[in-house]
Structures are given as C-alpha cells and as structure tokens.
Amino acid sequence: MSVTTTAHLNFRGDARAALEFYQSVFGGHVAVVTYKDVGNVQDPADADRVTWGQVLAGNGFHVMAYDVPSGMPWDRGENAFFVSVRGEDPEEITAYWEKLSDGATVVQPLGPAQWAPLYGMLTDRFGVVWVLDVVSEYNA
C-alpha cells in the first residue's frame, strides 16, 4: 500500500489564476470545477470561483487548490506552509525557479547551500512560499 501527499492551496478568488500560473511553470494539465458546476452557489460572487482544481504533470508535479467561499473566514497567513520542489537535475530546478520568480519576492536566492548543490526560497505573487532544491546524498 502506498500514500501520496499533495499540497492543497487555499485562496479567495485567485485559485484559477494560481493554477494556470503553476501549469505554465511545471507543465501538465489544469482541471477546474467551479461552485456553479457543482450547483453549490451560496453567494453569486462565488459562482465562477474554484471549488476544486489541480495541476497534474507527467513529471510528478501535483498541486490542488480551491477558493474558500465568501461565507467562510479566510486569512492568507504567513508561512503557514511551504511547497517543496525537489529534483535531481539542476537545470530543471533552475528553470522552475526562473518561472516561479515572476512577480515573486525572493527570500533566499537559488544557489549552493551547505546541504544541497542548489537551494532557494521565494514567496510567489500569490503569497505561496516555495522551496526548491537539488537532492543530495545525506551523510550524517
């Protein structure tokens, strides 16, 4: 038996734009279901917002997102979670970094770190904190 973990990102009106942006970075397919699609419109402002969405790519990238409905409290928060992207190919990680950097605030520039050949942290234009690194062998 196996289990997978997928980051599920919560927004207020930005889920579709965020999913489309992440698809432009990592590739794959975007799937979006709106509140109107499932017949669960409590507030007309929510009708075209995302009740379930995801980006799923052949390279293993997977992220889910939705728009918290207007009737529920929501706060963007600060450092509530990070999305970690780890890979073995420095060129691939660098390409993701360059695309995610569009409109982002860089916390730690992508570069060599004590524990990894490449490591970087940024907060993207949607307020999501990403850490990207190249996997290295751990020697305690």
N, C-alpha and C. Protein backbone atom coordinates (compact mmCIF):
# COMPACT_ATOMS: atom_id res chain seq x y z
N MET A 1 0.84 -1.19 0.00
CA MET A 1 0.00 0.00 0.00
C MET A 1 0.88 1.24 0.00
N SER A 2 0.46 2.26 -0.74
CA SER A 2 1.24 3.50 -0.77
C SER A 2 0.33 4.69 -0.55
N VAL A 3 0.93 5.77 -0.12
CA VAL A 3 0.22 7.01 0.13
C VAL A 3 0.99 8.13 -0.56
N THR A 4 0.28 9.08 -1.13
CA THR A 4 0.94 10.26 -1.71
C THR A 4 0.46 11.50 -0.98
N THR A 5 1.27 12.50 -0.99
CA THR A 5 0.93 13.77 -0.38
C THR A 5 0.91 14.84 -1.46
N THR A 6 -0.12 15.66 -1.44
CA THR A 6 -0.25 16.74 -2.41
C THR A 6 -0.55 18.03 -1.68
N ALA A 7 0.14 19.07 -2.00
CA ALA A 7 -0.15 20.37 -1.40
C ALA A 7 -1.51 20.83 -1.90
N HIS A 8 -2.36 21.28 -0.98
CA HIS A 8 -3.68 21.83 -1.30
C HIS A 8 -3.67 23.28 -0.87
N LEU A 9 -3.76 24.17 -1.83
CA LEU A 9 -3.63 25.60 -1.58
C LEU A 9 -5.00 26.27 -1.53
N ASN A 10 -5.19 27.13 -0.55
CA ASN A 10 -6.46 27.81 -0.35
C ASN A 10 -6.33 29.29 -0.71
N PHE A 11 -7.26 29.78 -1.51
CA PHE A 11 -7.24 31.15 -1.98
C PHE A 11 -8.62 31.78 -1.76
N ARG A 12 -8.72 33.05 -2.06
CA ARG A 12 -10.02 33.74 -2.09
C ARG A 12 -10.09 34.47 -3.42
N GLY A 13 -10.49 33.71 -4.46
CA GLY A 13 -10.67 34.31 -5.77
C GLY A 13 -9.48 34.21 -6.71
N ASP A 14 -8.35 33.69 -6.24
CA ASP A 14 -7.15 33.59 -7.08
C ASP A 14 -6.78 32.17 -7.47
N ALA A 15 -7.59 31.18 -7.12
CA ALA A 15 -7.21 29.79 -7.36
C ALA A 15 -6.99 29.49 -8.84
N ARG A 16 -7.89 29.92 -9.69
CA ARG A 16 -7.75 29.64 -11.13
C ARG A 16 -6.46 30.26 -11.67
N ALA A 17 -6.22 31.53 -11.35
CA ALA A 17 -5.01 32.21 -11.84
C ALA A 17 -3.76 31.52 -11.31
N ALA A 18 -3.79 31.10 -10.04
CA ALA A 18 -2.63 30.41 -9.46
C ALA A 18 -2.39 29.08 -10.16
N LEU A 19 -3.44 28.29 -10.37
CA LEU A 19 -3.29 27.00 -11.05
C LEU A 19 -2.75 27.18 -12.47
N GLU A 20 -3.27 28.18 -13.18
CA GLU A 20 -2.78 28.43 -14.54
C GLU A 20 -1.31 28.84 -14.53
N PHE A 21 -0.93 29.64 -13.53
CA PHE A 21 0.47 30.04 -13.42
C PHE A 21 1.36 28.83 -13.13
N TYR A 22 0.96 27.99 -12.18
CA TYR A 22 1.78 26.82 -11.84
C TYR A 22 1.86 25.86 -13.03
N GLN A 23 0.79 25.75 -13.81
CA GLN A 23 0.84 24.93 -15.02
C GLN A 23 1.84 25.50 -16.01
N SER A 24 1.93 26.83 -16.10
CA SER A 24 2.88 27.45 -17.02
C SER A 24 4.32 27.21 -16.57
N VAL A 25 4.51 27.00 -15.28
CA VAL A 25 5.84 26.73 -14.73
C VAL A 25 6.22 25.26 -14.89
N PHE A 26 5.34 24.36 -14.44
CA PHE A 26 5.67 22.94 -14.35
C PHE A 26 5.09 22.07 -15.47
N GLY A 27 4.23 22.64 -16.30
CA GLY A 27 3.59 21.85 -17.35
C GLY A 27 2.41 21.07 -16.80
N GLY A 28 1.91 20.14 -17.60
CA GLY A 28 0.80 19.30 -17.16
C GLY A 28 -0.55 19.87 -17.56
N HIS A 29 -1.57 19.33 -16.91
CA HIS A 29 -2.95 19.71 -17.20
C HIS A 29 -3.56 20.42 -16.02
N VAL A 30 -4.36 21.44 -16.30
CA VAL A 30 -5.14 22.13 -15.28
C VAL A 30 -6.56 21.58 -15.36
N ALA A 31 -7.12 21.23 -14.20
CA ALA A 31 -8.53 20.85 -14.12
C ALA A 31 -9.18 21.79 -13.11
N VAL A 32 -10.35 22.34 -13.46
CA VAL A 32 -11.05 23.28 -12.60
C VAL A 32 -12.53 22.95 -12.59
N VAL A 33 -13.10 22.91 -11.39
CA VAL A 33 -14.54 22.76 -11.20
C VAL A 33 -14.99 23.95 -10.37
N THR A 34 -16.01 24.66 -10.84
CA THR A 34 -16.49 25.84 -10.13
C THR A 34 -17.66 25.49 -9.21
N TYR A 35 -17.98 26.44 -8.34
CA TYR A 35 -19.15 26.27 -7.48
C TYR A 35 -20.41 26.13 -8.32
N LYS A 36 -20.49 26.87 -9.42
CA LYS A 36 -21.64 26.78 -10.33
C LYS A 36 -21.71 25.38 -10.94
N ASP A 37 -20.54 24.82 -11.33
CA ASP A 37 -20.52 23.49 -11.94
C ASP A 37 -21.14 22.43 -11.05
N VAL A 38 -20.93 22.55 -9.74
CA VAL A 38 -21.45 21.53 -8.80
C VAL A 38 -22.77 21.94 -8.16
N GLY A 39 -23.33 23.09 -8.58
CA GLY A 39 -24.61 23.53 -8.06
C GLY A 39 -24.58 23.93 -6.60
N ASN A 40 -23.46 24.51 -6.17
CA ASN A 40 -23.31 24.89 -4.76
C ASN A 40 -22.96 26.37 -4.65
N VAL A 41 -23.81 27.22 -5.20
CA VAL A 41 -23.56 28.66 -5.16
C VAL A 41 -24.36 29.26 -4.01
N GLN A 42 -23.65 29.59 -2.93
CA GLN A 42 -24.27 30.23 -1.77
C GLN A 42 -24.27 31.74 -1.91
N ASP A 43 -23.26 32.27 -2.62
CA ASP A 43 -23.11 33.69 -2.86
C ASP A 43 -22.81 33.85 -4.35
N PRO A 44 -23.58 34.68 -5.06
CA PRO A 44 -23.35 34.84 -6.50
C PRO A 44 -21.89 35.19 -6.86
N ALA A 45 -21.18 35.86 -5.95
CA ALA A 45 -19.77 36.21 -6.22
C ALA A 45 -18.89 34.96 -6.33
N ASP A 46 -19.34 33.84 -5.77
CA ASP A 46 -18.55 32.61 -5.78
C ASP A 46 -18.82 31.72 -6.98
N ALA A 47 -19.84 32.00 -7.78
CA ALA A 47 -20.29 31.10 -8.84
C ALA A 47 -19.18 30.59 -9.74
N ASP A 48 -18.30 31.48 -10.20
CA ASP A 48 -17.23 31.08 -11.12
C ASP A 48 -15.91 30.83 -10.43
N ARG A 49 -15.91 30.85 -9.12
CA ARG A 49 -14.68 30.53 -8.37
C ARG A 49 -14.49 29.02 -8.30
N VAL A 50 -13.29 28.62 -7.94
CA VAL A 50 -12.89 27.21 -7.98
C VAL A 50 -13.28 26.51 -6.68
N THR A 51 -14.12 25.47 -6.82
CA THR A 51 -14.43 24.63 -5.66
C THR A 51 -13.46 23.45 -5.57
N TRP A 52 -12.87 23.08 -6.70
CA TRP A 52 -11.81 22.05 -6.75
C TRP A 52 -11.00 22.28 -8.01
N GLY A 53 -9.70 22.24 -7.86
CA GLY A 53 -8.83 22.37 -9.02
C GLY A 53 -7.49 21.72 -8.76
N GLN A 54 -6.80 21.41 -9.83
CA GLN A 54 -5.47 20.83 -9.69
C GLN A 54 -4.64 21.05 -10.94
N VAL A 55 -3.33 20.92 -10.76
CA VAL A 55 -2.39 20.80 -11.86
C VAL A 55 -1.72 19.45 -11.64
N LEU A 56 -1.73 18.63 -12.65
CA LEU A 56 -1.10 17.31 -12.59
C LEU A 56 -0.22 17.17 -13.83
N ALA A 57 1.08 16.96 -13.61
CA ALA A 57 2.04 16.89 -14.71
C ALA A 57 2.70 15.52 -14.76
N GLY A 58 3.10 15.12 -15.95
CA GLY A 58 3.77 13.84 -16.14
C GLY A 58 5.10 13.72 -15.43
N ASN A 59 5.69 14.86 -15.05
CA ASN A 59 6.97 14.82 -14.34
C ASN A 59 6.81 14.58 -12.85
N GLY A 60 5.55 14.38 -12.39
CA GLY A 60 5.31 14.11 -10.98
C GLY A 60 4.78 15.30 -10.21
N PHE A 61 4.79 16.50 -10.80
CA PHE A 61 4.27 17.67 -10.10
C PHE A 61 2.76 17.55 -9.96
N HIS A 62 2.26 17.84 -8.74
CA HIS A 62 0.83 17.80 -8.47
C HIS A 62 0.52 18.80 -7.37
N VAL A 63 -0.41 19.70 -7.62
CA VAL A 63 -0.86 20.64 -6.61
C VAL A 63 -2.37 20.81 -6.80
N MET A 64 -3.07 20.96 -5.68
CA MET A 64 -4.51 21.18 -5.71
C MET A 64 -4.81 22.56 -5.13
N ALA A 65 -5.96 23.13 -5.50
CA ALA A 65 -6.32 24.44 -4.97
C ALA A 65 -7.82 24.65 -5.05
N TYR A 66 -8.29 25.55 -4.20
CA TYR A 66 -9.68 25.99 -4.28
C TYR A 66 -9.81 27.38 -3.71
N ASP A 67 -10.95 28.02 -4.03
CA ASP A 67 -11.29 29.32 -3.47
C ASP A 67 -12.21 29.11 -2.28
N VAL A 68 -11.76 29.54 -1.11
CA VAL A 68 -12.59 29.47 0.08
C VAL A 68 -13.84 30.31 -0.18
N PRO A 69 -15.04 29.75 0.06
CA PRO A 69 -16.26 30.51 -0.23
C PRO A 69 -16.37 31.78 0.62
N SER A 70 -17.08 32.76 0.07
CA SER A 70 -17.22 34.06 0.72
C SER A 70 -17.77 33.97 2.14
N GLY A 71 -18.61 32.99 2.41
CA GLY A 71 -19.23 32.86 3.72
C GLY A 71 -18.33 32.28 4.79
N MET A 72 -17.14 31.85 4.42
CA MET A 72 -16.20 31.26 5.38
C MET A 72 -15.04 32.21 5.63
N PRO A 73 -14.52 32.23 6.86
CA PRO A 73 -13.35 33.07 7.12
C PRO A 73 -12.13 32.53 6.38
N TRP A 74 -11.28 33.44 5.98
CA TRP A 74 -10.04 33.06 5.30
C TRP A 74 -9.02 34.15 5.52
N ASP A 75 -7.80 33.73 5.83
CA ASP A 75 -6.69 34.64 6.01
C ASP A 75 -5.50 34.03 5.29
N ARG A 76 -4.86 34.81 4.48
CA ARG A 76 -3.73 34.33 3.69
C ARG A 76 -2.64 33.74 4.58
N GLY A 77 -2.47 34.28 5.76
CA GLY A 77 -1.49 33.74 6.69
C GLY A 77 -0.06 34.05 6.29
N GLU A 78 0.83 33.76 7.15
CA GLU A 78 2.25 33.96 6.91
C GLU A 78 2.99 32.67 7.26
N ASN A 79 3.68 32.11 6.30
CA ASN A 79 4.48 30.90 6.50
C ASN A 79 3.70 29.74 7.11
N ALA A 80 2.42 29.64 6.76
CA ALA A 80 1.62 28.53 7.26
C ALA A 80 2.08 27.20 6.66
N PHE A 81 2.68 27.25 5.48
CA PHE A 81 3.22 26.05 4.84
C PHE A 81 4.18 26.48 3.74
N PHE A 82 5.03 25.57 3.33
CA PHE A 82 5.89 25.75 2.17
C PHE A 82 5.54 24.65 1.19
N VAL A 83 5.70 24.92 -0.09
CA VAL A 83 5.62 23.88 -1.09
C VAL A 83 7.05 23.59 -1.49
N SER A 84 7.45 22.34 -1.34
CA SER A 84 8.82 21.94 -1.62
C SER A 84 8.88 21.21 -2.96
N VAL A 85 9.79 21.67 -3.83
CA VAL A 85 10.03 21.02 -5.12
C VAL A 85 11.47 20.55 -5.11
N ARG A 86 11.65 19.24 -5.13
CA ARG A 86 12.99 18.66 -5.09
C ARG A 86 13.21 17.86 -6.36
N GLY A 87 14.38 17.99 -6.91
CA GLY A 87 14.71 17.24 -8.11
C GLY A 87 16.18 16.89 -8.15
N GLU A 88 16.55 16.13 -9.15
CA GLU A 88 17.94 15.70 -9.29
C GLU A 88 18.70 16.49 -10.34
N ASP A 89 17.98 17.18 -11.21
CA ASP A 89 18.58 17.89 -12.34
C ASP A 89 18.64 19.39 -12.06
N PRO A 90 19.84 19.94 -11.86
CA PRO A 90 19.96 21.38 -11.58
C PRO A 90 19.33 22.27 -12.65
N GLU A 91 19.42 21.87 -13.92
CA GLU A 91 18.83 22.67 -14.99
C GLU A 91 17.31 22.72 -14.88
N GLU A 92 16.70 21.59 -14.55
CA GLU A 92 15.25 21.54 -14.39
C GLU A 92 14.79 22.42 -13.21
N ILE A 93 15.48 22.30 -12.08
CA ILE A 93 15.13 23.10 -10.89
C ILE A 93 15.34 24.58 -11.18
N THR A 94 16.42 24.92 -11.86
CA THR A 94 16.69 26.32 -12.21
C THR A 94 15.59 26.87 -13.13
N ALA A 95 15.13 26.08 -14.07
CA ALA A 95 14.06 26.53 -14.98
C ALA A 95 12.77 26.79 -14.20
N TYR A 96 12.42 25.91 -13.27
CA TYR A 96 11.24 26.14 -12.44
C TYR A 96 11.40 27.42 -11.63
N TRP A 97 12.60 27.59 -11.05
CA TRP A 97 12.89 28.78 -10.24
C TRP A 97 12.68 30.06 -11.05
N GLU A 98 13.23 30.07 -12.25
CA GLU A 98 13.14 31.27 -13.08
C GLU A 98 11.69 31.63 -13.38
N LYS A 99 10.86 30.63 -13.63
CA LYS A 99 9.45 30.90 -13.92
C LYS A 99 8.68 31.31 -12.67
N LEU A 100 8.92 30.62 -11.55
CA LEU A 100 8.23 30.97 -10.30
C LEU A 100 8.63 32.36 -9.81
N SER A 101 9.80 32.81 -10.17
CA SER A 101 10.31 34.11 -9.72
C SER A 101 9.54 35.28 -10.31
N ASP A 102 8.76 35.04 -11.36
CA ASP A 102 8.00 36.12 -12.00
C ASP A 102 7.02 36.72 -10.99
N GLY A 103 7.27 37.94 -10.58
CA GLY A 103 6.41 38.63 -9.62
C GLY A 103 6.60 38.19 -8.18
N ALA A 104 7.63 37.41 -7.91
CA ALA A 104 7.86 36.86 -6.58
C ALA A 104 8.78 37.74 -5.73
N THR A 105 8.77 37.46 -4.43
CA THR A 105 9.73 38.03 -3.50
C THR A 105 10.71 36.92 -3.15
N VAL A 106 11.97 37.11 -3.49
CA VAL A 106 12.97 36.09 -3.23
C VAL A 106 13.42 36.20 -1.77
N VAL A 107 13.27 35.10 -1.04
CA VAL A 107 13.69 35.03 0.37
C VAL A 107 15.15 34.59 0.44
N GLN A 108 15.49 33.56 -0.33
CA GLN A 108 16.85 33.04 -0.41
C GLN A 108 17.14 32.75 -1.88
N PRO A 109 18.05 33.48 -2.50
CA PRO A 109 18.33 33.25 -3.92
C PRO A 109 18.76 31.80 -4.19
N LEU A 110 18.40 31.29 -5.34
CA LEU A 110 18.79 29.94 -5.72
C LEU A 110 20.30 29.88 -5.88
N GLY A 111 20.91 28.99 -5.15
CA GLY A 111 22.37 28.84 -5.20
C GLY A 111 22.81 27.69 -4.32
N PRO A 112 24.11 27.44 -4.29
CA PRO A 112 24.63 26.35 -3.45
C PRO A 112 24.34 26.61 -1.98
N ALA A 113 24.05 25.53 -1.28
CA ALA A 113 23.82 25.58 0.17
C ALA A 113 24.64 24.49 0.83
N GLN A 114 24.79 24.58 2.12
CA GLN A 114 25.59 23.60 2.85
C GLN A 114 25.04 22.18 2.67
N TRP A 115 23.72 22.05 2.51
CA TRP A 115 23.09 20.74 2.44
C TRP A 115 22.65 20.33 1.04
N ALA A 116 22.80 21.22 0.05
CA ALA A 116 22.33 20.90 -1.30
C ALA A 116 23.13 21.66 -2.35
N PRO A 117 23.32 21.06 -3.52
CA PRO A 117 24.01 21.76 -4.61
C PRO A 117 23.29 23.05 -5.02
N LEU A 118 21.95 23.05 -4.93
CA LEU A 118 21.14 24.24 -5.22
C LEU A 118 19.99 24.28 -4.23
N TYR A 119 19.71 25.47 -3.71
CA TYR A 119 18.59 25.67 -2.80
C TYR A 119 18.13 27.12 -2.94
N GLY A 120 16.83 27.33 -2.92
CA GLY A 120 16.29 28.68 -2.92
C GLY A 120 14.90 28.71 -2.34
N MET A 121 14.51 29.88 -1.84
CA MET A 121 13.17 30.06 -1.28
C MET A 121 12.61 31.38 -1.80
N LEU A 122 11.32 31.36 -2.19
CA LEU A 122 10.65 32.57 -2.63
C LEU A 122 9.18 32.53 -2.24
N THR A 123 8.59 33.71 -2.19
CA THR A 123 7.14 33.83 -2.00
C THR A 123 6.59 34.32 -3.33
N ASP A 124 5.77 33.48 -3.97
CA ASP A 124 5.28 33.85 -5.30
C ASP A 124 4.24 34.96 -5.24
N ARG A 125 3.81 35.39 -6.38
CA ARG A 125 2.89 36.53 -6.46
C ARG A 125 1.52 36.24 -5.87
N PHE A 126 1.26 34.98 -5.49
CA PHE A 126 0.00 34.62 -4.83
C PHE A 126 0.18 34.43 -3.33
N GLY A 127 1.39 34.70 -2.82
CA GLY A 127 1.65 34.57 -1.39
C GLY A 127 2.04 33.18 -0.93
N VAL A 128 2.31 32.27 -1.87
CA VAL A 128 2.71 30.90 -1.54
C VAL A 128 4.23 30.83 -1.45
N VAL A 129 4.73 30.25 -0.35
CA VAL A 129 6.18 30.11 -0.15
C VAL A 129 6.64 28.79 -0.77
N TRP A 130 7.62 28.88 -1.65
CA TRP A 130 8.19 27.72 -2.34
C TRP A 130 9.64 27.56 -1.94
N VAL A 131 10.06 26.32 -1.70
CA VAL A 131 11.47 26.00 -1.56
C VAL A 131 11.82 25.01 -2.66
N LEU A 132 12.87 25.31 -3.40
CA LEU A 132 13.32 24.45 -4.48
C LEU A 132 14.74 24.04 -4.17
N ASP A 133 15.04 22.76 -4.39
CA ASP A 133 16.41 22.32 -4.19
C ASP A 133 16.72 21.09 -5.03
N VAL A 134 18.01 20.88 -5.17
CA VAL A 134 18.53 19.69 -5.85
C VAL A 134 18.91 18.70 -4.76
N VAL A 135 18.40 17.50 -4.90
CA VAL A 135 18.61 16.45 -3.92
C VAL A 135 20.10 16.07 -3.86
N SER A 136 20.61 15.93 -2.66
CA SER A 136 21.97 15.42 -2.49
C SER A 136 21.94 14.29 -1.47
N GLU A 137 22.93 13.46 -1.52
CA GLU A 137 23.00 12.34 -0.58
C GLU A 137 23.27 12.86 0.81
N TYR A 138 22.53 12.33 1.78
CA TYR A 138 22.70 12.74 3.18
C TYR A 138 23.75 11.86 3.84
N ASN A 139 24.77 12.49 4.39
CA ASN A 139 25.81 11.76 5.13
C ASN A 139 25.91 12.36 6.52
N ALA A 140 25.29 11.69 7.48
CA ALA A 140 25.25 12.21 8.86
C ALA A 140 26.61 12.21 9.49
